[in-house]
Amino acid sequence: MKKILFVLALSGSVSNPALGHTPICDCYDNGDNTITCEGGFSDGGSAAGIAMRIVDEAGKVLIQGEMGEFSDYTFAIPDNDFRVIYEAGDGHTIEIDSRDIEE
């Protein structure tokens, strides 16, 4: 959460139209066989309701849901390598490889 808050705070102090609505998403291992992802937008916008998909290496959807009221999404860790896909629309997609998620 610290990374997201820092980016959101920094974006509020920068006046640049090109940075207006950049998606932000970060995931971390909770140490209890679950992953939590937190998201938002560089303009401080909420990610509540944003679609989340967990896919295997072939692109098959393993888990799907959406960011909750507090712009977070928690899911059980799949048995194999996976990617988290944060789909915020209008070409605003972030993909996070499971190997890049740290505890």
N, C-alpha and C. Protein backbone atom coordinates (compact mmCIF):
# COMPACT_ATOMS: atom_id res chain seq x y z
N MET A 1 0.82 -1.19 0.00
CA MET A 1 0.00 0.00 0.00
C MET A 1 0.86 1.25 0.00
N LYS A 2 2.05 1.21 0.60
CA LYS A 2 2.91 2.37 0.66
C LYS A 2 3.26 2.88 -0.72
N LYS A 3 3.57 1.96 -1.65
CA LYS A 3 3.93 2.36 -3.01
C LYS A 3 2.79 3.10 -3.68
N ILE A 4 1.59 2.58 -3.54
CA ILE A 4 0.43 3.19 -4.18
C ILE A 4 0.16 4.57 -3.61
N LEU A 5 0.19 4.69 -2.29
CA LEU A 5 -0.06 5.99 -1.67
C LEU A 5 0.98 7.00 -2.11
N PHE A 6 2.25 6.60 -2.20
CA PHE A 6 3.29 7.51 -2.61
C PHE A 6 3.04 8.00 -4.03
N VAL A 7 2.71 7.08 -4.95
CA VAL A 7 2.46 7.47 -6.33
C VAL A 7 1.24 8.37 -6.41
N LEU A 8 0.19 8.05 -5.68
CA LEU A 8 -1.00 8.89 -5.71
C LEU A 8 -0.73 10.27 -5.13
N ALA A 9 0.03 10.34 -4.05
CA ALA A 9 0.36 11.62 -3.45
C ALA A 9 1.23 12.45 -4.39
N LEU A 10 2.20 11.81 -5.01
CA LEU A 10 3.07 12.49 -5.94
C LEU A 10 2.30 13.01 -7.14
N SER A 11 1.38 12.21 -7.67
CA SER A 11 0.63 12.64 -8.85
C SER A 11 -0.25 13.83 -8.55
N GLY A 12 -0.68 13.97 -7.32
CA GLY A 12 -1.50 15.13 -6.95
C GLY A 12 -0.72 16.42 -6.95
N SER A 13 0.60 16.33 -6.84
CA SER A 13 1.41 17.53 -6.80
C SER A 13 1.99 17.89 -8.16
N VAL A 14 1.74 17.05 -9.16
CA VAL A 14 2.26 17.30 -10.50
C VAL A 14 1.11 17.67 -11.41
N SER A 15 1.25 18.76 -12.10
CA SER A 15 0.20 19.20 -13.02
C SER A 15 0.62 18.86 -14.44
N ASN A 16 0.17 17.72 -14.91
CA ASN A 16 0.52 17.26 -16.23
C ASN A 16 -0.65 16.47 -16.79
N PRO A 17 -1.33 16.99 -17.81
CA PRO A 17 -2.50 16.30 -18.36
C PRO A 17 -2.21 14.87 -18.81
N ALA A 18 -0.98 14.59 -19.24
CA ALA A 18 -0.65 13.25 -19.70
C ALA A 18 -0.68 12.24 -18.57
N LEU A 19 -0.55 12.68 -17.33
CA LEU A 19 -0.57 11.79 -16.19
C LEU A 19 -1.96 11.65 -15.59
N GLY A 20 -2.96 12.23 -16.20
CA GLY A 20 -4.29 12.36 -15.64
C GLY A 20 -4.98 11.11 -15.13
N HIS A 21 -4.84 9.99 -15.79
CA HIS A 21 -5.66 8.85 -15.41
C HIS A 21 -4.90 7.54 -15.64
N THR A 22 -3.66 7.48 -15.21
CA THR A 22 -2.84 6.28 -15.38
C THR A 22 -3.23 5.25 -14.32
N PRO A 23 -3.48 4.00 -14.74
CA PRO A 23 -3.83 2.97 -13.76
C PRO A 23 -2.62 2.56 -12.92
N ILE A 24 -2.89 2.18 -11.67
CA ILE A 24 -1.86 1.74 -10.74
C ILE A 24 -2.35 0.46 -10.09
N CYS A 25 -1.50 -0.54 -10.03
CA CYS A 25 -1.85 -1.79 -9.35
C CYS A 25 -0.58 -2.44 -8.83
N ASP A 26 -0.63 -2.93 -7.62
CA ASP A 26 0.48 -3.64 -7.01
C ASP A 26 -0.08 -4.81 -6.22
N CYS A 27 0.62 -5.93 -6.24
CA CYS A 27 0.16 -7.13 -5.53
C CYS A 27 1.25 -7.61 -4.59
N TYR A 28 0.83 -8.21 -3.47
CA TYR A 28 1.79 -8.77 -2.52
C TYR A 28 1.24 -10.04 -1.91
N ASP A 29 2.18 -10.92 -1.53
CA ASP A 29 1.86 -12.20 -0.90
C ASP A 29 1.62 -11.95 0.58
N ASN A 30 0.46 -12.36 1.08
CA ASN A 30 0.10 -12.15 2.48
C ASN A 30 0.77 -13.14 3.43
N GLY A 31 1.43 -14.16 2.88
CA GLY A 31 2.08 -15.16 3.72
C GLY A 31 1.13 -16.21 4.27
N ASP A 32 -0.12 -16.19 3.82
CA ASP A 32 -1.12 -17.16 4.29
C ASP A 32 -1.81 -17.87 3.12
N ASN A 33 -1.07 -18.02 2.00
CA ASN A 33 -1.57 -18.64 0.78
C ASN A 33 -2.59 -17.76 0.05
N THR A 34 -2.54 -16.45 0.30
CA THR A 34 -3.37 -15.50 -0.45
C THR A 34 -2.51 -14.35 -0.95
N ILE A 35 -2.99 -13.73 -2.00
CA ILE A 35 -2.37 -12.53 -2.59
C ILE A 35 -3.39 -11.40 -2.47
N THR A 36 -2.93 -10.21 -2.14
CA THR A 36 -3.78 -9.03 -2.17
C THR A 36 -3.21 -8.06 -3.20
N CYS A 37 -4.09 -7.54 -4.05
CA CYS A 37 -3.73 -6.52 -5.02
C CYS A 37 -4.47 -5.25 -4.63
N GLU A 38 -3.77 -4.14 -4.75
CA GLU A 38 -4.36 -2.84 -4.48
C GLU A 38 -4.21 -1.99 -5.73
N GLY A 39 -5.22 -1.23 -6.05
CA GLY A 39 -5.17 -0.44 -7.28
C GLY A 39 -5.78 0.93 -7.13
N GLY A 40 -5.70 1.66 -8.20
CA GLY A 40 -6.25 3.00 -8.26
C GLY A 40 -5.80 3.67 -9.53
N PHE A 41 -5.85 4.99 -9.55
CA PHE A 41 -5.44 5.77 -10.70
C PHE A 41 -4.57 6.93 -10.24
N SER A 42 -3.70 7.38 -11.11
CA SER A 42 -2.74 8.42 -10.75
C SER A 42 -3.42 9.74 -10.37
N ASP A 43 -4.67 9.92 -10.76
CA ASP A 43 -5.38 11.14 -10.38
C ASP A 43 -6.10 10.99 -9.05
N GLY A 44 -5.84 9.86 -8.36
CA GLY A 44 -6.46 9.61 -7.06
C GLY A 44 -7.77 8.85 -7.14
N GLY A 45 -8.20 8.49 -8.35
CA GLY A 45 -9.46 7.78 -8.53
C GLY A 45 -9.45 6.39 -7.93
N SER A 46 -10.60 5.95 -7.49
CA SER A 46 -10.79 4.64 -6.89
C SER A 46 -10.78 3.55 -7.95
N ALA A 47 -10.37 2.36 -7.54
CA ALA A 47 -10.40 1.19 -8.42
C ALA A 47 -11.57 0.27 -8.07
N ALA A 48 -12.44 0.69 -7.17
CA ALA A 48 -13.60 -0.13 -6.78
C ALA A 48 -14.37 -0.53 -8.04
N GLY A 49 -14.64 -1.83 -8.15
CA GLY A 49 -15.40 -2.34 -9.29
C GLY A 49 -14.56 -2.72 -10.50
N ILE A 50 -13.27 -2.43 -10.49
CA ILE A 50 -12.40 -2.76 -11.62
C ILE A 50 -12.25 -4.28 -11.70
N ALA A 51 -12.39 -4.81 -12.91
CA ALA A 51 -12.28 -6.26 -13.13
C ALA A 51 -10.87 -6.76 -12.86
N MET A 52 -10.81 -7.91 -12.19
CA MET A 52 -9.55 -8.58 -11.91
C MET A 52 -9.66 -10.01 -12.43
N ARG A 53 -8.62 -10.44 -13.15
CA ARG A 53 -8.58 -11.82 -13.64
C ARG A 53 -7.22 -12.42 -13.28
N ILE A 54 -7.26 -13.66 -12.87
CA ILE A 54 -6.05 -14.43 -12.61
C ILE A 54 -6.03 -15.51 -13.68
N VAL A 55 -4.99 -15.51 -14.52
CA VAL A 55 -4.92 -16.44 -15.64
C VAL A 55 -3.65 -17.29 -15.55
N ASP A 56 -3.72 -18.48 -16.13
CA ASP A 56 -2.53 -19.32 -16.18
C ASP A 56 -1.65 -18.90 -17.35
N GLU A 57 -0.56 -19.61 -17.58
CA GLU A 57 0.38 -19.23 -18.63
C GLU A 57 -0.22 -19.32 -20.03
N ALA A 58 -1.26 -20.12 -20.20
CA ALA A 58 -1.93 -20.25 -21.50
C ALA A 58 -3.04 -19.21 -21.67
N GLY A 59 -3.30 -18.42 -20.62
CA GLY A 59 -4.34 -17.39 -20.69
C GLY A 59 -5.70 -17.84 -20.19
N LYS A 60 -5.80 -19.09 -19.70
CA LYS A 60 -7.06 -19.60 -19.17
C LYS A 60 -7.37 -18.90 -17.84
N VAL A 61 -8.61 -18.40 -17.72
CA VAL A 61 -9.01 -17.72 -16.49
C VAL A 61 -9.16 -18.73 -15.36
N LEU A 62 -8.40 -18.51 -14.28
CA LEU A 62 -8.45 -19.38 -13.11
C LEU A 62 -9.38 -18.80 -12.05
N ILE A 63 -9.33 -17.49 -11.88
CA ILE A 63 -10.11 -16.78 -10.87
C ILE A 63 -10.49 -15.43 -11.47
N GLN A 64 -11.68 -14.96 -11.18
CA GLN A 64 -12.04 -13.61 -11.60
C GLN A 64 -12.90 -12.95 -10.54
N GLY A 65 -12.84 -11.66 -10.51
CA GLY A 65 -13.60 -10.89 -9.54
C GLY A 65 -13.43 -9.41 -9.83
N GLU A 66 -13.54 -8.60 -8.78
CA GLU A 66 -13.36 -7.16 -8.97
C GLU A 66 -12.82 -6.53 -7.69
N MET A 67 -12.19 -5.39 -7.88
CA MET A 67 -11.68 -4.62 -6.75
C MET A 67 -12.85 -4.25 -5.84
N GLY A 68 -12.61 -4.34 -4.54
CA GLY A 68 -13.64 -4.03 -3.56
C GLY A 68 -13.74 -2.53 -3.27
N GLU A 69 -14.54 -2.22 -2.29
CA GLU A 69 -14.82 -0.84 -1.88
C GLU A 69 -13.55 -0.04 -1.59
N PHE A 70 -12.52 -0.71 -1.07
CA PHE A 70 -11.28 -0.03 -0.71
C PHE A 70 -10.18 -0.24 -1.76
N SER A 71 -10.60 -0.52 -3.00
CA SER A 71 -9.69 -0.70 -4.13
C SER A 71 -8.68 -1.82 -3.90
N ASP A 72 -9.16 -2.94 -3.34
CA ASP A 72 -8.29 -4.09 -3.13
C ASP A 72 -9.01 -5.37 -3.55
N TYR A 73 -8.21 -6.40 -3.81
CA TYR A 73 -8.74 -7.69 -4.23
C TYR A 73 -7.82 -8.77 -3.69
N THR A 74 -8.36 -9.72 -2.94
CA THR A 74 -7.58 -10.81 -2.36
C THR A 74 -8.07 -12.14 -2.93
N PHE A 75 -7.11 -13.01 -3.26
CA PHE A 75 -7.46 -14.31 -3.82
C PHE A 75 -6.48 -15.37 -3.34
N ALA A 76 -6.92 -16.63 -3.38
CA ALA A 76 -6.07 -17.76 -3.01
C ALA A 76 -5.02 -17.97 -4.11
N ILE A 77 -3.81 -18.28 -3.71
CA ILE A 77 -2.72 -18.48 -4.66
C ILE A 77 -2.95 -19.78 -5.45
N PRO A 78 -3.01 -19.69 -6.79
CA PRO A 78 -3.14 -20.90 -7.60
C PRO A 78 -1.90 -21.79 -7.46
N ASP A 79 -2.05 -23.06 -7.83
CA ASP A 79 -0.97 -24.03 -7.69
C ASP A 79 0.19 -23.79 -8.66
N ASN A 80 -0.08 -23.20 -9.82
CA ASN A 80 0.95 -23.00 -10.84
C ASN A 80 1.20 -21.51 -11.07
N ASP A 81 2.21 -21.20 -11.90
CA ASP A 81 2.49 -19.81 -12.24
C ASP A 81 1.24 -19.17 -12.85
N PHE A 82 1.08 -17.89 -12.62
CA PHE A 82 -0.11 -17.17 -13.08
C PHE A 82 0.22 -15.71 -13.33
N ARG A 83 -0.72 -15.02 -13.94
CA ARG A 83 -0.63 -13.57 -14.13
C ARG A 83 -1.90 -12.94 -13.57
N VAL A 84 -1.72 -11.79 -12.94
CA VAL A 84 -2.84 -10.98 -12.47
C VAL A 84 -3.11 -9.93 -13.54
N ILE A 85 -4.35 -9.81 -13.96
CA ILE A 85 -4.70 -8.81 -14.97
C ILE A 85 -5.70 -7.83 -14.35
N TYR A 86 -5.28 -6.58 -14.30
CA TYR A 86 -6.08 -5.45 -13.80
C TYR A 86 -6.56 -4.72 -15.03
N GLU A 87 -7.85 -4.84 -15.34
CA GLU A 87 -8.42 -4.32 -16.59
C GLU A 87 -9.29 -3.11 -16.29
N ALA A 88 -8.69 -1.93 -16.45
CA ALA A 88 -9.38 -0.68 -16.11
C ALA A 88 -10.02 -0.01 -17.31
N GLY A 89 -10.10 -0.69 -18.45
CA GLY A 89 -10.77 -0.16 -19.63
C GLY A 89 -9.92 0.82 -20.42
N ASP A 90 -10.38 1.15 -21.61
CA ASP A 90 -9.72 2.12 -22.50
C ASP A 90 -8.21 1.91 -22.62
N GLY A 91 -7.79 0.66 -22.76
CA GLY A 91 -6.38 0.36 -22.90
C GLY A 91 -5.59 0.44 -21.61
N HIS A 92 -6.26 0.60 -20.50
CA HIS A 92 -5.61 0.69 -19.19
C HIS A 92 -5.54 -0.69 -18.55
N THR A 93 -4.60 -1.49 -19.00
CA THR A 93 -4.44 -2.84 -18.48
C THR A 93 -3.05 -2.99 -17.86
N ILE A 94 -3.02 -3.59 -16.69
CA ILE A 94 -1.74 -3.91 -16.05
C ILE A 94 -1.72 -5.42 -15.84
N GLU A 95 -0.60 -6.05 -16.22
CA GLU A 95 -0.41 -7.48 -15.99
C GLU A 95 0.77 -7.66 -15.05
N ILE A 96 0.58 -8.48 -14.02
CA ILE A 96 1.63 -8.75 -13.05
C ILE A 96 1.88 -10.24 -13.02
N ASP A 97 3.11 -10.64 -13.31
CA ASP A 97 3.49 -12.05 -13.30
C ASP A 97 3.64 -12.52 -11.86
N SER A 98 3.21 -13.73 -11.57
CA SER A 98 3.28 -14.27 -10.21
C SER A 98 4.70 -14.28 -9.66
N ARG A 99 5.68 -14.43 -10.55
CA ARG A 99 7.09 -14.45 -10.10
C ARG A 99 7.57 -13.08 -9.63
N ASP A 100 6.80 -12.03 -9.92
CA ASP A 100 7.16 -10.67 -9.51
C ASP A 100 6.46 -10.23 -8.21
N ILE A 101 5.64 -11.11 -7.65
CA ILE A 101 4.91 -10.78 -6.43
C ILE A 101 5.73 -11.22 -5.23
N GLU A 102 5.97 -10.30 -4.32
CA GLU A 102 6.80 -10.59 -3.15
C GLU A 102 5.99 -10.52 -1.88
N GLU A 103 6.48 -11.21 -0.85
CA GLU A 103 5.83 -11.23 0.47
C GLU A 103 6.17 -9.95 1.21
